[in-house]
Amino acid sequence: MRRAGRFKKNNWVSSGELSTPRMFLAKKLSRFAVLQAAWSKETGKMANYWSITAVRGGTIFIEVKSSSAAQELDLRRSVLIKSLNKHFARNWIREIKQS
């Protein structure tokens, strides 16, 4: 039987109450979401042939679906790094590798 006026405390917290571990994870997830959106915008139609599989440090690992797409990625690598870094406050992408 529930008493009137007493509510079970839920596990939700406001953004101001986030602790350091939760804030760290939230920043990583939001950075990855921005990276995914920027990747599809900057690569255009080639996003069908290149997909991000992992991000570790400043390195993005890309799965390439064909050999011609791999060559195109090799040619556009430095331009992609510069254009992707424009979407962030600081330049953190240093390298793009094929996985």
PDB file of N, CA and C in Angstrom:
ATOM      1  N   MET A   1       0.832  -1.178   0.000  1.00  0.00           N
ATOM      2  CA  MET A   1       0.000   0.000   0.000  1.00  0.00           C
ATOM      3  C   MET A   1       0.881   1.247   0.000  1.00  0.00           C
ATOM      4  N   ARG A   2       0.602   2.149  -0.888  1.00  0.00           N
ATOM      5  CA  ARG A   2       1.388   3.388  -1.004  1.00  0.00           C
ATOM      6  C   ARG A   2       0.809   4.462  -0.111  1.00  0.00           C
ATOM      7  N   ARG A   3       1.698   5.177   0.477  1.00  0.00           N
ATOM      8  CA  ARG A   3       1.268   6.329   1.263  1.00  0.00           C
ATOM      9  C   ARG A   3       1.166   7.544   0.361  1.00  0.00           C
ATOM     10  N   ALA A   4       0.189   8.339   0.619  1.00  0.00           N
ATOM     11  CA  ALA A   4       0.014   9.557  -0.160  1.00  0.00           C
ATOM     12  C   ALA A   4       1.155  10.519   0.166  1.00  0.00           C
ATOM     13  N   GLY A   5       1.689  11.166  -0.857  1.00  0.00           N
ATOM     14  CA  GLY A   5       2.744  12.137  -0.649  1.00  0.00           C
ATOM     15  C   GLY A   5       4.147  11.562  -0.724  1.00  0.00           C
ATOM     16  N   ARG A   6       4.284  10.246  -0.735  1.00  0.00           N
ATOM     17  CA  ARG A   6       5.614   9.634  -0.856  1.00  0.00           C
ATOM     18  C   ARG A   6       5.757   9.037  -2.245  1.00  0.00           C
ATOM     19  N   PHE A   7       6.809   9.409  -2.890  1.00  0.00           N
ATOM     20  CA  PHE A   7       7.077   8.894  -4.227  1.00  0.00           C
ATOM     21  C   PHE A   7       8.413   8.186  -4.218  1.00  0.00           C
ATOM     22  N   LYS A   8       8.502   7.166  -4.998  1.00  0.00           N
ATOM     23  CA  LYS A   8       9.759   6.447  -5.144  1.00  0.00           C
ATOM     24  C   LYS A   8      10.742   7.326  -5.902  1.00  0.00           C
ATOM     25  N   LYS A   9      11.938   7.445  -5.377  1.00  0.00           N
ATOM     26  CA  LYS A   9      12.953   8.273  -6.035  1.00  0.00           C
ATOM     27  C   LYS A   9      13.401   7.570  -7.316  1.00  0.00           C
ATOM     28  N   ASN A  10      13.374   8.291  -8.415  1.00  0.00           N
ATOM     29  CA  ASN A  10      13.809   7.697  -9.682  1.00  0.00           C
ATOM     30  C   ASN A  10      15.304   7.906  -9.880  1.00  0.00           C
ATOM     31  N   ASN A  11      15.839   7.287 -10.872  1.00  0.00           N
ATOM     32  CA  ASN A  11      17.277   7.341 -11.141  1.00  0.00           C
ATOM     33  C   ASN A  11      17.664   8.473 -12.088  1.00  0.00           C
ATOM     34  N   TRP A  12      16.745   9.315 -12.463  1.00  0.00           N
ATOM     35  CA  TRP A  12      17.057  10.398 -13.381  1.00  0.00           C
ATOM     36  C   TRP A  12      17.799  11.499 -12.649  1.00  0.00           C
ATOM     37  N   VAL A  13      18.741  12.100 -13.341  1.00  0.00           N
ATOM     38  CA  VAL A  13      19.472  13.247 -12.804  1.00  0.00           C
ATOM     39  C   VAL A  13      19.458  14.351 -13.837  1.00  0.00           C
ATOM     40  N   SER A  14      19.574  15.552 -13.368  1.00  0.00           N
ATOM     41  CA  SER A  14      19.637  16.667 -14.310  1.00  0.00           C
ATOM     42  C   SER A  14      21.057  16.785 -14.841  1.00  0.00           C
ATOM     43  N   SER A  15      21.230  17.535 -15.894  1.00  0.00           N
ATOM     44  CA  SER A  15      22.561  17.677 -16.478  1.00  0.00           C
ATOM     45  C   SER A  15      23.514  18.366 -15.512  1.00  0.00           C
ATOM     46  N   GLY A  16      22.998  19.198 -14.626  1.00  0.00           N
ATOM     47  CA  GLY A  16      23.842  19.865 -13.643  1.00  0.00           C
ATOM     48  C   GLY A  16      24.337  18.943 -12.552  1.00  0.00           C
ATOM     49  N   GLU A  17      23.673  17.803 -12.360  1.00  0.00           N
ATOM     50  CA  GLU A  17      24.043  16.862 -11.312  1.00  0.00           C
ATOM     51  C   GLU A  17      24.902  15.705 -11.812  1.00  0.00           C
ATOM     52  N   LEU A  18      25.294  15.742 -13.079  1.00  0.00           N
ATOM     53  CA  LEU A  18      26.082  14.638 -13.619  1.00  0.00           C
ATOM     54  C   LEU A  18      27.446  14.567 -12.945  1.00  0.00           C
ATOM     55  N   SER A  19      27.824  13.377 -12.554  1.00  0.00           N
ATOM     56  CA  SER A  19      29.134  13.204 -11.939  1.00  0.00           C
ATOM     57  C   SER A  19      30.194  13.103 -13.026  1.00  0.00           C
ATOM     58  N   THR A  20      31.434  13.108 -12.631  1.00  0.00           N
ATOM     59  CA  THR A  20      32.541  13.095 -13.586  1.00  0.00           C
ATOM     60  C   THR A  20      32.515  11.868 -14.508  1.00  0.00           C
ATOM     61  N   PRO A  21      32.330  10.635 -13.999  1.00  0.00           N
ATOM     62  CA  PRO A  21      32.299   9.502 -14.927  1.00  0.00           C
ATOM     63  C   PRO A  21      31.157   9.583 -15.937  1.00  0.00           C
ATOM     64  N   ARG A  22      30.004  10.021 -15.482  1.00  0.00           N
ATOM     65  CA  ARG A  22      28.878  10.149 -16.411  1.00  0.00           C
ATOM     66  C   ARG A  22      29.121  11.260 -17.418  1.00  0.00           C
ATOM     67  N   MET A  23      29.705  12.350 -16.973  1.00  0.00           N
ATOM     68  CA  MET A  23      29.979  13.469 -17.870  1.00  0.00           C
ATOM     69  C   MET A  23      31.003  13.050 -18.923  1.00  0.00           C
ATOM     70  N   PHE A  24      31.997  12.272 -18.525  1.00  0.00           N
ATOM     71  CA  PHE A  24      33.015  11.792 -19.461  1.00  0.00           C
ATOM     72  C   PHE A  24      32.357  10.963 -20.558  1.00  0.00           C
ATOM     73  N   LEU A  25      31.474  10.050 -20.183  1.00  0.00           N
ATOM     74  CA  LEU A  25      30.791   9.208 -21.157  1.00  0.00           C
ATOM     75  C   LEU A  25      29.877  10.043 -22.041  1.00  0.00           C
ATOM     76  N   ALA A  26      29.186  11.001 -21.469  1.00  0.00           N
ATOM     77  CA  ALA A  26      28.285  11.861 -22.256  1.00  0.00           C
ATOM     78  C   ALA A  26      29.063  12.658 -23.290  1.00  0.00           C
ATOM     79  N   LYS A  27      30.238  13.160 -22.913  1.00  0.00           N
ATOM     80  CA  LYS A  27      31.054  13.913 -23.867  1.00  0.00           C
ATOM     81  C   LYS A  27      31.534  13.019 -24.999  1.00  0.00           C
ATOM     82  N   LYS A  28      31.952  11.789 -24.666  1.00  0.00           N
ATOM     83  CA  LYS A  28      32.412  10.859 -25.699  1.00  0.00           C
ATOM     84  C   LYS A  28      31.291  10.517 -26.670  1.00  0.00           C
ATOM     85  N   LEU A  29      30.097  10.253 -26.128  1.00  0.00           N
ATOM     86  CA  LEU A  29      28.974   9.892 -26.981  1.00  0.00           C
ATOM     87  C   LEU A  29      28.540  11.056 -27.857  1.00  0.00           C
ATOM     88  N   SER A  30      28.530  12.265 -27.312  1.00  0.00           N
ATOM     89  CA  SER A  30      28.129  13.407 -28.132  1.00  0.00           C
ATOM     90  C   SER A  30      29.172  13.700 -29.205  1.00  0.00           C
ATOM     91  N   ARG A  31      30.457  13.507 -28.879  1.00  0.00           N
ATOM     92  CA  ARG A  31      31.495  13.723 -29.883  1.00  0.00           C
ATOM     93  C   ARG A  31      31.362  12.706 -31.011  1.00  0.00           C
ATOM     94  N   PHE A  32      31.016  11.461 -30.666  1.00  0.00           N
ATOM     95  CA  PHE A  32      30.851  10.438 -31.684  1.00  0.00           C
ATOM     96  C   PHE A  32      29.619  10.731 -32.549  1.00  0.00           C
ATOM     97  N   ALA A  33      28.556  11.233 -31.953  1.00  0.00           N
ATOM     98  CA  ALA A  33      27.359  11.582 -32.723  1.00  0.00           C
ATOM     99  C   ALA A  33      27.661  12.718 -33.704  1.00  0.00           C
ATOM    100  N   VAL A  34      28.415  13.706 -33.263  1.00  0.00           N
ATOM    101  CA  VAL A  34      28.803  14.803 -34.148  1.00  0.00           C
ATOM    102  C   VAL A  34      29.707  14.275 -35.265  1.00  0.00           C
ATOM    103  N   LEU A  35      30.612  13.363 -34.909  1.00  0.00           N
ATOM    104  CA  LEU A  35      31.505  12.780 -35.912  1.00  0.00           C
ATOM    105  C   LEU A  35      30.722  12.021 -36.968  1.00  0.00           C
ATOM    106  N   GLN A  36      29.728  11.244 -36.555  1.00  0.00           N
ATOM    107  CA  GLN A  36      28.913  10.491 -37.519  1.00  0.00           C
ATOM    108  C   GLN A  36      28.195  11.438 -38.474  1.00  0.00           C
ATOM    109  N   ALA A  37      27.618  12.502 -37.934  1.00  0.00           N
ATOM    110  CA  ALA A  37      26.903  13.461 -38.784  1.00  0.00           C
ATOM    111  C   ALA A  37      27.866  14.188 -39.724  1.00  0.00           C
ATOM    112  N   ALA A  38      29.017  14.591 -39.188  1.00  0.00           N
ATOM    113  CA  ALA A  38      30.006  15.283 -40.021  1.00  0.00           C
ATOM    114  C   ALA A  38      30.560  14.354 -41.092  1.00  0.00           C
ATOM    115  N   TRP A  39      30.751  13.086 -40.749  1.00  0.00           N
ATOM    116  CA  TRP A  39      31.273  12.108 -41.701  1.00  0.00           C
ATOM    117  C   TRP A  39      30.333  11.970 -42.896  1.00  0.00           C
ATOM    118  N   SER A  40      29.047  11.809 -42.632  1.00  0.00           N
ATOM    119  CA  SER A  40      28.109  11.644 -43.746  1.00  0.00           C
ATOM    120  C   SER A  40      28.001  12.930 -44.574  1.00  0.00           C
ATOM    121  N   LYS A  41      28.130  14.086 -43.935  1.00  0.00           N
ATOM    122  CA  LYS A  41      28.071  15.354 -44.664  1.00  0.00           C
ATOM    123  C   LYS A  41      29.314  15.550 -45.531  1.00  0.00           C
ATOM    124  N   GLU A  42      30.485  15.290 -44.974  1.00  0.00           N
ATOM    125  CA  GLU A  42      31.738  15.548 -45.689  1.00  0.00           C
ATOM    126  C   GLU A  42      32.044  14.511 -46.764  1.00  0.00           C
ATOM    127  N   THR A  43      31.599  13.277 -46.593  1.00  0.00           N
ATOM    128  CA  THR A  43      31.913  12.243 -47.579  1.00  0.00           C
ATOM    129  C   THR A  43      30.880  12.149 -48.689  1.00  0.00           C
ATOM    130  N   GLY A  44      29.685  12.651 -48.450  1.00  0.00           N
ATOM    131  CA  GLY A  44      28.664  12.645 -49.499  1.00  0.00           C
ATOM    132  C   GLY A  44      28.259  11.236 -49.905  1.00  0.00           C
ATOM    133  N   LYS A  45      28.277  10.970 -51.208  1.00  0.00           N
ATOM    134  CA  LYS A  45      27.865   9.661 -51.721  1.00  0.00           C
ATOM    135  C   LYS A  45      28.832   8.545 -51.324  1.00  0.00           C
ATOM    136  N   MET A  46      30.066   8.908 -51.011  1.00  0.00           N
ATOM    137  CA  MET A  46      31.050   7.882 -50.620  1.00  0.00           C
ATOM    138  C   MET A  46      30.731   7.293 -49.244  1.00  0.00           C
ATOM    139  N   ALA A  47      29.827   7.909 -48.498  1.00  0.00           N
ATOM    140  CA  ALA A  47      29.420   7.358 -47.201  1.00  0.00           C
ATOM    141  C   ALA A  47      28.779   5.982 -47.373  1.00  0.00           C
ATOM    142  N   ASN A  48      28.286   5.672 -48.572  1.00  0.00           N
ATOM    143  CA  ASN A  48      27.740   4.340 -48.840  1.00  0.00           C
ATOM    144  C   ASN A  48      28.842   3.288 -48.879  1.00  0.00           C
ATOM    145  N   TYR A  49      30.064   3.697 -49.173  1.00  0.00           N
ATOM    146  CA  TYR A  49      31.183   2.765 -49.309  1.00  0.00           C
ATOM    147  C   TYR A  49      32.144   2.810 -48.128  1.00  0.00           C
ATOM    148  N   TRP A  50      32.075   3.858 -47.321  1.00  0.00           N
ATOM    149  CA  TRP A  50      32.949   4.002 -46.154  1.00  0.00           C
ATOM    150  C   TRP A  50      32.076   4.099 -44.912  1.00  0.00           C
ATOM    151  N   SER A  51      32.354   3.300 -43.907  1.00  0.00           N
ATOM    152  CA  SER A  51      31.616   3.415 -42.656  1.00  0.00           C
ATOM    153  C   SER A  51      32.585   3.405 -41.481  1.00  0.00           C
ATOM    154  N   ILE A  52      32.297   4.210 -40.484  1.00  0.00           N
ATOM    155  CA  ILE A  52      33.144   4.295 -39.296  1.00  0.00           C
ATOM    156  C   ILE A  52      32.894   3.070 -38.434  1.00  0.00           C
ATOM    157  N   THR A  53      33.955   2.336 -38.128  1.00  0.00           N
ATOM    158  CA  THR A  53      33.823   1.159 -37.277  1.00  0.00           C
ATOM    159  C   THR A  53      34.278   1.425 -35.853  1.00  0.00           C
ATOM    160  N   ALA A  54      35.266   2.292 -35.675  1.00  0.00           N
ATOM    161  CA  ALA A  54      35.771   2.580 -34.327  1.00  0.00           C
ATOM    162  C   ALA A  54      36.506   3.908 -34.319  1.00  0.00           C
ATOM    163  N   VAL A  55      36.600   4.471 -33.124  1.00  0.00           N
ATOM    164  CA  VAL A  55      37.390   5.677 -32.904  1.00  0.00           C
ATOM    165  C   VAL A  55      38.227   5.423 -31.668  1.00  0.00           C
ATOM    166  N   ARG A  56      39.521   5.570 -31.803  1.00  0.00           N
ATOM    167  CA  ARG A  56      40.427   5.362 -30.672  1.00  0.00           C
ATOM    168  C   ARG A  56      41.445   6.487 -30.658  1.00  0.00           C
ATOM    169  N   GLY A  57      41.401   7.279 -29.599  1.00  0.00           N
ATOM    170  CA  GLY A  57      42.302   8.425 -29.535  1.00  0.00           C
ATOM    171  C   GLY A  57      41.967   9.399 -30.645  1.00  0.00           C
ATOM    172  N   GLY A  58      42.927   9.723 -31.450  1.00  0.00           N
ATOM    173  CA  GLY A  58      42.714  10.620 -32.581  1.00  0.00           C
ATOM    174  C   GLY A  58      42.617   9.892 -33.898  1.00  0.00           C
ATOM    175  N   THR A  59      42.391   8.577 -33.850  1.00  0.00           N
ATOM    176  CA  THR A  59      42.348   7.765 -35.062  1.00  0.00           C
ATOM    177  C   THR A  59      40.936   7.264 -35.318  1.00  0.00           C
ATOM    178  N   ILE A  60      40.472   7.421 -36.550  1.00  0.00           N
ATOM    179  CA  ILE A  60      39.175   6.890 -36.972  1.00  0.00           C
ATOM    180  C   ILE A  60      39.449   5.661 -37.827  1.00  0.00           C
ATOM    181  N   PHE A  61      38.793   4.556 -37.511  1.00  0.00           N
ATOM    182  CA  PHE A  61      38.933   3.323 -38.278  1.00  0.00           C
ATOM    183  C   PHE A  61      37.720   3.177 -39.191  1.00  0.00           C
ATOM    184  N   ILE A  62      37.997   2.975 -40.488  1.00  0.00           N
ATOM    185  CA  ILE A  62      36.968   2.957 -41.515  1.00  0.00           C
ATOM    186  C   ILE A  62      36.906   1.586 -42.168  1.00  0.00           C
ATOM    187  N   GLU A  63      35.684   1.078 -42.343  1.00  0.00           N
ATOM    188  CA  GLU A  63      35.470  -0.137 -43.117  1.00  0.00           C
ATOM    189  C   GLU A  63      35.182   0.281 -44.555  1.00  0.00           C
ATOM    190  N   VAL A  64      35.950  -0.248 -45.482  1.00  0.00           N
ATOM    191  CA  VAL A  64      35.832   0.112 -46.895  1.00  0.00           C
ATOM    192  C   VAL A  64      35.230  -1.076 -47.636  1.00  0.00           C
ATOM    193  N   LYS A  65      34.264  -0.806 -48.519  1.00  0.00           N
ATOM    194  CA  LYS A  65      33.523  -1.886 -49.170  1.00  0.00           C
ATOM    195  C   LYS A  65      34.070  -2.338 -50.516  1.00  0.00           C
ATOM    196  N   SER A  66      35.005  -1.577 -51.095  1.00  0.00           N
ATOM    197  CA  SER A  66      35.590  -1.995 -52.366  1.00  0.00           C
ATOM    198  C   SER A  66      37.004  -1.444 -52.484  1.00  0.00           C
ATOM    199  N   SER A  67      37.766  -2.022 -53.393  1.00  0.00           N
ATOM    200  CA  SER A  67      39.153  -1.578 -53.562  1.00  0.00           C
ATOM    201  C   SER A  67      39.227  -0.174 -54.163  1.00  0.00           C
ATOM    202  N   SER A  68      38.295   0.144 -55.044  1.00  0.00           N
ATOM    203  CA  SER A  68      38.306   1.501 -55.613  1.00  0.00           C
ATOM    204  C   SER A  68      37.932   2.537 -54.553  1.00  0.00           C
ATOM    205  N   ALA A  69      37.048   2.176 -53.634  1.00  0.00           N
ATOM    206  CA  ALA A  69      36.698   3.073 -52.532  1.00  0.00           C
ATOM    207  C   ALA A  69      37.889   3.242 -51.588  1.00  0.00           C
ATOM    208  N   ALA A  70      38.699   2.195 -51.450  1.00  0.00           N
ATOM    209  CA  ALA A  70      39.904   2.279 -50.614  1.00  0.00           C
ATOM    210  C   ALA A  70      40.912   3.252 -51.220  1.00  0.00           C
ATOM    211  N   GLN A  71      41.065   3.203 -52.537  1.00  0.00           N
ATOM    212  CA  GLN A  71      41.969   4.134 -53.198  1.00  0.00           C
ATOM    213  C   GLN A  71      41.476   5.570 -53.075  1.00  0.00           C
ATOM    214  N   GLU A  72      40.179   5.757 -53.203  1.00  0.00           N
ATOM    215  CA  GLU A  72      39.600   7.090 -53.054  1.00  0.00           C
ATOM    216  C   GLU A  72      39.821   7.626 -51.641  1.00  0.00           C
ATOM    217  N   LEU A  73      39.686   6.757 -50.653  1.00  0.00           N
ATOM    218  CA  LEU A  73      39.926   7.164 -49.267  1.00  0.00           C
ATOM    219  C   LEU A  73      41.382   7.566 -49.066  1.00  0.00           C
ATOM    220  N   ASP A  74      42.302   6.822 -49.661  1.00  0.00           N
ATOM    221  CA  ASP A  74      43.717   7.168 -49.562  1.00  0.00           C
ATOM    222  C   ASP A  74      43.999   8.547 -50.164  1.00  0.00           C
ATOM    223  N   LEU A  75      43.338   8.859 -51.267  1.00  0.00           N
ATOM    224  CA  LEU A  75      43.544  10.149 -51.921  1.00  0.00           C
ATOM    225  C   LEU A  75      42.938  11.309 -51.133  1.00  0.00           C
ATOM    226  N   ARG A  76      41.797  11.085 -50.501  1.00  0.00           N
ATOM    227  CA  ARG A  76      41.080  12.163 -49.818  1.00  0.00           C
ATOM    228  C   ARG A  76      41.354  12.231 -48.321  1.00  0.00           C
ATOM    229  N   ARG A  77      42.223  11.390 -47.808  1.00  0.00           N
ATOM    230  CA  ARG A  77      42.460  11.276 -46.361  1.00  0.00           C
ATOM    231  C   ARG A  77      42.803  12.609 -45.694  1.00  0.00           C
ATOM    232  N   SER A  78      43.784  13.326 -46.189  1.00  0.00           N
ATOM    233  CA  SER A  78      44.211  14.572 -45.540  1.00  0.00           C
ATOM    234  C   SER A  78      43.128  15.652 -45.624  1.00  0.00           C
ATOM    235  N   VAL A  79      42.430  15.715 -46.740  1.00  0.00           N
ATOM    236  CA  VAL A  79      41.342  16.687 -46.886  1.00  0.00           C
ATOM    237  C   VAL A  79      40.200  16.354 -45.923  1.00  0.00           C
ATOM    238  N   LEU A  80      39.897  15.059 -45.771  1.00  0.00           N
ATOM    239  CA  LEU A  80      38.838  14.647 -44.857  1.00  0.00           C
ATOM    240  C   LEU A  80      39.179  14.990 -43.411  1.00  0.00           C
ATOM    241  N   ILE A  81      40.422  14.785 -43.027  1.00  0.00           N
ATOM    242  CA  ILE A  81      40.832  15.088 -41.653  1.00  0.00           C
ATOM    243  C   ILE A  81      40.638  16.575 -41.367  1.00  0.00           C
ATOM    244  N   LYS A  82      41.056  17.418 -42.291  1.00  0.00           N
ATOM    245  CA  LYS A  82      40.891  18.867 -42.107  1.00  0.00           C
ATOM    246  C   LYS A  82      39.426  19.269 -42.054  1.00  0.00           C
ATOM    247  N   SER A  83      38.621  18.715 -42.939  1.00  0.00           N
ATOM    248  CA  SER A  83      37.209  19.106 -42.974  1.00  0.00           C
ATOM    249  C   SER A  83      36.437  18.554 -41.777  1.00  0.00           C
ATOM    250  N   LEU A  84      36.797  17.386 -41.271  1.00  0.00           N
ATOM    251  CA  LEU A  84      36.128  16.842 -40.087  1.00  0.00           C
ATOM    252  C   LEU A  84      36.494  17.624 -38.833  1.00  0.00           C
ATOM    253  N   ASN A  85      37.736  18.041 -38.724  1.00  0.00           N
ATOM    254  CA  ASN A  85      38.172  18.794 -37.547  1.00  0.00           C
ATOM    255  C   ASN A  85      37.493  20.156 -37.445  1.00  0.00           C
ATOM    256  N   LYS A  86      36.976  20.683 -38.542  1.00  0.00           N
ATOM    257  CA  LYS A  86      36.284  21.962 -38.509  1.00  0.00           C
ATOM    258  C   LYS A  86      34.986  21.891 -37.712  1.00  0.00           C
ATOM    259  N   HIS A  87      34.458  20.697 -37.505  1.00  0.00           N
ATOM    260  CA  HIS A  87      33.195  20.526 -36.792  1.00  0.00           C
ATOM    261  C   HIS A  87      33.371  20.470 -35.275  1.00  0.00           C
ATOM    262  N   PHE A  88      34.601  20.543 -34.792  1.00  0.00           N
ATOM    263  CA  PHE A  88      34.878  20.419 -33.364  1.00  0.00           C
ATOM    264  C   PHE A  88      35.629  21.650 -32.866  1.00  0.00           C
ATOM    265  N   ALA A  89      35.583  21.865 -31.551  1.00  0.00           N
ATOM    266  CA  ALA A  89      36.231  23.026 -30.946  1.00  0.00           C
ATOM    267  C   ALA A  89      37.749  22.954 -31.085  1.00  0.00           C
ATOM    268  N   ARG A  90      38.301  21.756 -30.970  1.00  0.00           N
ATOM    269  CA  ARG A  90      39.748  21.599 -31.155  1.00  0.00           C
ATOM    270  C   ARG A  90      40.000  20.457 -32.125  1.00  0.00           C
ATOM    271  N   ASN A  91      41.123  20.498 -32.799  1.00  0.00           N
ATOM    272  CA  ASN A  91      41.473  19.459 -33.771  1.00  0.00           C
ATOM    273  C   ASN A  91      41.931  18.213 -33.036  1.00  0.00           C
ATOM    274  N   TRP A  92      41.093  17.183 -33.027  1.00  0.00           N
ATOM    275  CA  TRP A  92      41.466  15.958 -32.325  1.00  0.00           C
ATOM    276  C   TRP A  92      41.642  14.767 -33.267  1.00  0.00           C
ATOM    277  N   ILE A  93      41.177  14.876 -34.507  1.00  0.00           N
ATOM    278  CA  ILE A  93      41.343  13.795 -35.474  1.00  0.00           C
ATOM    279  C   ILE A  93      42.711  13.948 -36.125  1.00  0.00           C
ATOM    280  N   ARG A  94      43.551  12.944 -35.933  1.00  0.00           N
ATOM    281  CA  ARG A  94      44.915  12.992 -36.484  1.00  0.00           C
ATOM    282  C   ARG A  94      45.112  12.007 -37.627  1.00  0.00           C
ATOM    283  N   GLU A  95      44.306  10.958 -37.655  1.00  0.00           N
ATOM    284  CA  GLU A  95      44.584   9.905 -38.622  1.00  0.00           C
ATOM    285  C   GLU A  95      43.303   9.157 -38.998  1.00  0.00           C
ATOM    286  N   ILE A  96      43.230   8.676 -40.219  1.00  0.00           N
ATOM    287  CA  ILE A  96      42.155   7.820 -40.687  1.00  0.00           C
ATOM    288  C   ILE A  96      42.799   6.542 -41.211  1.00  0.00           C
ATOM    289  N   LYS A  97      42.381   5.406 -40.659  1.00  0.00           N
ATOM    290  CA  LYS A  97      42.926   4.107 -41.067  1.00  0.00           C
ATOM    291  C   LYS A  97      41.810   3.196 -41.535  1.00  0.00           C
ATOM    292  N   GLN A  98      42.160   2.278 -42.417  1.00  0.00           N
ATOM    293  CA  GLN A  98      41.202   1.261 -42.849  1.00  0.00           C
ATOM    294  C   GLN A  98      41.256   0.087 -41.883  1.00  0.00           C
ATOM    295  N   SER A  99      40.081  -0.426 -41.534  1.00  0.00           N
ATOM    296  CA  SER A  99      40.066  -1.573 -40.617  1.00  0.00           C
ATOM    297  C   SER A  99      39.847  -2.866 -41.371  1.00  0.00           C
TER     298      SER A  99
END
